[in-house]
Amino acid sequence: MSQTGDLRVLVRRRLAAAAEEICGVLDLTVGGLEEEVRRQRRLLDTLLNPEIRLQRAGEHPRIELRPEIGHF
């Protein structure tokens, strides 16, 4: 094979490897962003649709903490 052909093969291999690496990083980034969007949707839903629990006279209040609150 000529030097030009060898160089062309080398460049194609390097470009393919770079493209694979870019796609891998992109997949990880998108996955992380999707999880963050889900977390923020849950938080927003909690803020916009709070659970209201009425208590009868004489009952002790129960405090429930939601794990998604406080992770800003």
N, C-alpha and C. Protein backbone atom coordinates (compact mmCIF):
# COMPACT_ATOMS: atom_id res chain seq x y z
N MET A 1 0.85 -1.17 0.00
CA MET A 1 0.00 0.00 0.00
C MET A 1 0.89 1.23 0.00
N SER A 2 0.46 2.26 -0.65
CA SER A 2 1.26 3.49 -0.74
C SER A 2 1.22 4.25 0.59
N GLN A 3 2.10 5.21 0.72
CA GLN A 3 2.14 6.02 1.94
C GLN A 3 0.83 6.79 2.12
N THR A 4 0.27 7.23 1.03
CA THR A 4 -1.01 7.96 1.09
C THR A 4 -2.11 7.04 1.60
N GLY A 5 -2.12 5.81 1.12
CA GLY A 5 -3.11 4.84 1.57
C GLY A 5 -2.94 4.50 3.04
N ASP A 6 -1.68 4.33 3.46
CA ASP A 6 -1.40 4.05 4.87
C ASP A 6 -1.86 5.21 5.76
N LEU A 7 -1.59 6.42 5.32
CA LEU A 7 -1.98 7.60 6.07
C LEU A 7 -3.50 7.70 6.15
N ARG A 8 -4.15 7.40 5.05
CA ARG A 8 -5.62 7.45 5.00
C ARG A 8 -6.22 6.43 6.00
N VAL A 9 -5.66 5.23 6.04
CA VAL A 9 -6.14 4.20 6.97
C VAL A 9 -5.91 4.66 8.41
N LEU A 10 -4.73 5.19 8.69
CA LEU A 10 -4.41 5.68 10.03
C LEU A 10 -5.37 6.78 10.46
N VAL A 11 -5.62 7.73 9.57
CA VAL A 11 -6.52 8.85 9.88
C VAL A 11 -7.93 8.33 10.14
N ARG A 12 -8.39 7.39 9.34
CA ARG A 12 -9.74 6.82 9.55
C ARG A 12 -9.84 6.12 10.90
N ARG A 13 -8.82 5.37 11.26
CA ARG A 13 -8.83 4.68 12.55
C ARG A 13 -8.85 5.67 13.71
N ARG A 14 -8.03 6.70 13.61
CA ARG A 14 -7.97 7.71 14.67
C ARG A 14 -9.29 8.46 14.78
N LEU A 15 -9.89 8.78 13.64
CA LEU A 15 -11.17 9.47 13.66
C LEU A 15 -12.27 8.58 14.25
N ALA A 16 -12.26 7.32 13.90
CA ALA A 16 -13.25 6.39 14.44
C ALA A 16 -13.09 6.26 15.95
N ALA A 17 -11.86 6.17 16.43
CA ALA A 17 -11.60 6.07 17.87
C ALA A 17 -12.05 7.35 18.58
N ALA A 18 -11.77 8.48 17.99
CA ALA A 18 -12.18 9.76 18.59
C ALA A 18 -13.70 9.86 18.62
N ALA A 19 -14.36 9.43 17.55
CA ALA A 19 -15.83 9.47 17.51
C ALA A 19 -16.43 8.56 18.58
N GLU A 20 -15.85 7.39 18.79
CA GLU A 20 -16.33 6.48 19.84
C GLU A 20 -16.18 7.11 21.22
N GLU A 21 -15.06 7.74 21.46
CA GLU A 21 -14.83 8.39 22.74
C GLU A 21 -15.82 9.53 22.96
N ILE A 22 -16.04 10.34 21.95
CA ILE A 22 -16.98 11.45 22.03
C ILE A 22 -18.39 10.93 22.32
N CYS A 23 -18.80 9.88 21.64
CA CYS A 23 -20.13 9.30 21.87
C CYS A 23 -20.27 8.76 23.28
N GLY A 24 -19.22 8.15 23.81
CA GLY A 24 -19.26 7.64 25.18
C GLY A 24 -19.43 8.76 26.19
N VAL A 25 -18.68 9.84 26.03
CA VAL A 25 -18.78 10.98 26.93
C VAL A 25 -20.16 11.62 26.81
N LEU A 26 -20.65 11.73 25.59
CA LEU A 26 -21.97 12.31 25.35
C LEU A 26 -23.05 11.48 26.03
N ASP A 27 -22.98 10.15 25.94
CA ASP A 27 -23.95 9.28 26.59
C ASP A 27 -23.95 9.49 28.11
N LEU A 28 -22.77 9.57 28.70
CA LEU A 28 -22.67 9.80 30.14
C LEU A 28 -23.24 11.17 30.53
N THR A 29 -22.95 12.17 29.75
CA THR A 29 -23.43 13.52 30.03
C THR A 29 -24.94 13.59 29.93
N VAL A 30 -25.50 13.03 28.87
CA VAL A 30 -26.95 13.05 28.68
C VAL A 30 -27.63 12.27 29.81
N GLY A 31 -27.08 11.13 30.18
CA GLY A 31 -27.65 10.34 31.27
C GLY A 31 -27.68 11.12 32.57
N GLY A 32 -26.60 11.81 32.86
CA GLY A 32 -26.54 12.63 34.08
C GLY A 32 -27.53 13.78 34.05
N LEU A 33 -27.67 14.41 32.90
CA LEU A 33 -28.61 15.52 32.77
C LEU A 33 -30.06 15.03 32.88
N GLU A 34 -30.35 13.87 32.32
CA GLU A 34 -31.70 13.32 32.43
C GLU A 34 -32.05 13.04 33.89
N GLU A 35 -31.11 12.49 34.64
CA GLU A 35 -31.35 12.22 36.06
C GLU A 35 -31.57 13.52 36.82
N GLU A 36 -30.81 14.55 36.50
CA GLU A 36 -30.97 15.85 37.16
C GLU A 36 -32.35 16.45 36.83
N VAL A 37 -32.80 16.32 35.61
CA VAL A 37 -34.14 16.81 35.24
C VAL A 37 -35.21 16.06 36.02
N ARG A 38 -35.09 14.74 36.15
CA ARG A 38 -36.06 13.96 36.92
C ARG A 38 -36.08 14.42 38.39
N ARG A 39 -34.90 14.65 38.95
CA ARG A 39 -34.81 15.10 40.34
C ARG A 39 -35.48 16.46 40.51
N GLN A 40 -35.22 17.38 39.58
CA GLN A 40 -35.82 18.71 39.67
C GLN A 40 -37.33 18.67 39.44
N ARG A 41 -37.79 17.76 38.58
CA ARG A 41 -39.24 17.61 38.38
C ARG A 41 -39.92 17.14 39.67
N ARG A 42 -39.29 16.16 40.36
CA ARG A 42 -39.85 15.68 41.62
C ARG A 42 -39.90 16.82 42.64
N LEU A 43 -38.83 17.60 42.71
CA LEU A 43 -38.78 18.72 43.64
C LEU A 43 -39.85 19.75 43.30
N LEU A 44 -39.99 20.08 42.03
CA LEU A 44 -41.00 21.04 41.61
C LEU A 44 -42.40 20.52 41.90
N ASP A 45 -42.62 19.25 41.65
CA ASP A 45 -43.92 18.65 41.94
C ASP A 45 -44.22 18.73 43.44
N THR A 46 -43.21 18.49 44.26
CA THR A 46 -43.38 18.59 45.71
C THR A 46 -43.73 20.01 46.12
N LEU A 47 -43.10 20.98 45.49
CA LEU A 47 -43.36 22.37 45.84
C LEU A 47 -44.72 22.86 45.34
N LEU A 48 -45.10 22.43 44.16
CA LEU A 48 -46.35 22.90 43.57
C LEU A 48 -47.56 22.12 44.05
N ASN A 49 -47.38 20.89 44.49
CA ASN A 49 -48.48 20.03 44.95
C ASN A 49 -48.14 19.45 46.32
N PRO A 50 -48.09 20.30 47.33
CA PRO A 50 -47.70 19.79 48.66
C PRO A 50 -48.79 18.88 49.23
N GLU A 51 -48.37 17.93 50.03
CA GLU A 51 -49.32 17.07 50.74
C GLU A 51 -49.76 17.82 51.98
N ILE A 52 -51.05 17.96 52.14
CA ILE A 52 -51.59 18.62 53.32
C ILE A 52 -52.27 17.55 54.15
N ARG A 53 -51.81 17.38 55.36
CA ARG A 53 -52.39 16.39 56.27
C ARG A 53 -52.99 17.12 57.46
N LEU A 54 -54.26 16.93 57.64
CA LEU A 54 -54.94 17.55 58.76
C LEU A 54 -54.81 16.64 59.97
N GLN A 55 -54.69 17.25 61.14
CA GLN A 55 -54.56 16.48 62.37
C GLN A 55 -55.77 16.75 63.26
N ARG A 56 -56.16 15.73 63.93
CA ARG A 56 -57.26 15.89 64.90
C ARG A 56 -56.69 16.49 66.18
N ALA A 57 -57.53 17.13 66.90
CA ALA A 57 -57.11 17.72 68.17
C ALA A 57 -56.59 16.62 69.09
N GLY A 58 -55.48 16.86 69.72
CA GLY A 58 -54.92 15.90 70.65
C GLY A 58 -53.90 14.96 70.03
N GLU A 59 -53.77 14.93 68.73
CA GLU A 59 -52.78 14.07 68.08
C GLU A 59 -51.44 14.79 68.04
N HIS A 60 -50.39 14.02 68.12
CA HIS A 60 -49.06 14.59 68.02
C HIS A 60 -48.67 14.70 66.55
N PRO A 61 -48.10 15.81 66.14
CA PRO A 61 -47.71 15.95 64.73
C PRO A 61 -46.54 15.03 64.38
N ARG A 62 -46.59 14.48 63.19
CA ARG A 62 -45.48 13.67 62.67
C ARG A 62 -44.75 14.49 61.62
N ILE A 63 -43.47 14.53 61.75
CA ILE A 63 -42.66 15.26 60.77
C ILE A 63 -42.03 14.24 59.84
N GLU A 64 -42.30 14.41 58.54
CA GLU A 64 -41.72 13.51 57.54
C GLU A 64 -40.81 14.32 56.64
N LEU A 65 -39.61 13.87 56.48
CA LEU A 65 -38.66 14.53 55.60
C LEU A 65 -38.57 13.77 54.29
N ARG A 66 -38.63 14.49 53.21
CA ARG A 66 -38.48 13.87 51.90
C ARG A 66 -37.02 13.98 51.49
N PRO A 67 -36.43 12.91 51.01
CA PRO A 67 -35.00 12.94 50.69
C PRO A 67 -34.65 13.89 49.56
N GLU A 68 -35.58 14.19 48.62
CA GLU A 68 -35.22 15.05 47.50
C GLU A 68 -35.13 16.52 47.89
N ILE A 69 -35.72 16.89 49.01
CA ILE A 69 -35.65 18.27 49.44
C ILE A 69 -34.31 18.49 50.13
N GLY A 70 -33.65 19.56 49.77
CA GLY A 70 -32.37 19.87 50.38
C GLY A 70 -31.18 19.51 49.53
N HIS A 71 -31.41 18.96 48.35
CA HIS A 71 -30.31 18.62 47.42
C HIS A 71 -30.28 19.66 46.30
N PHE A 72 -29.79 20.83 46.57
CA PHE A 72 -29.77 21.89 45.55
C PHE A 72 -28.49 21.91 44.81
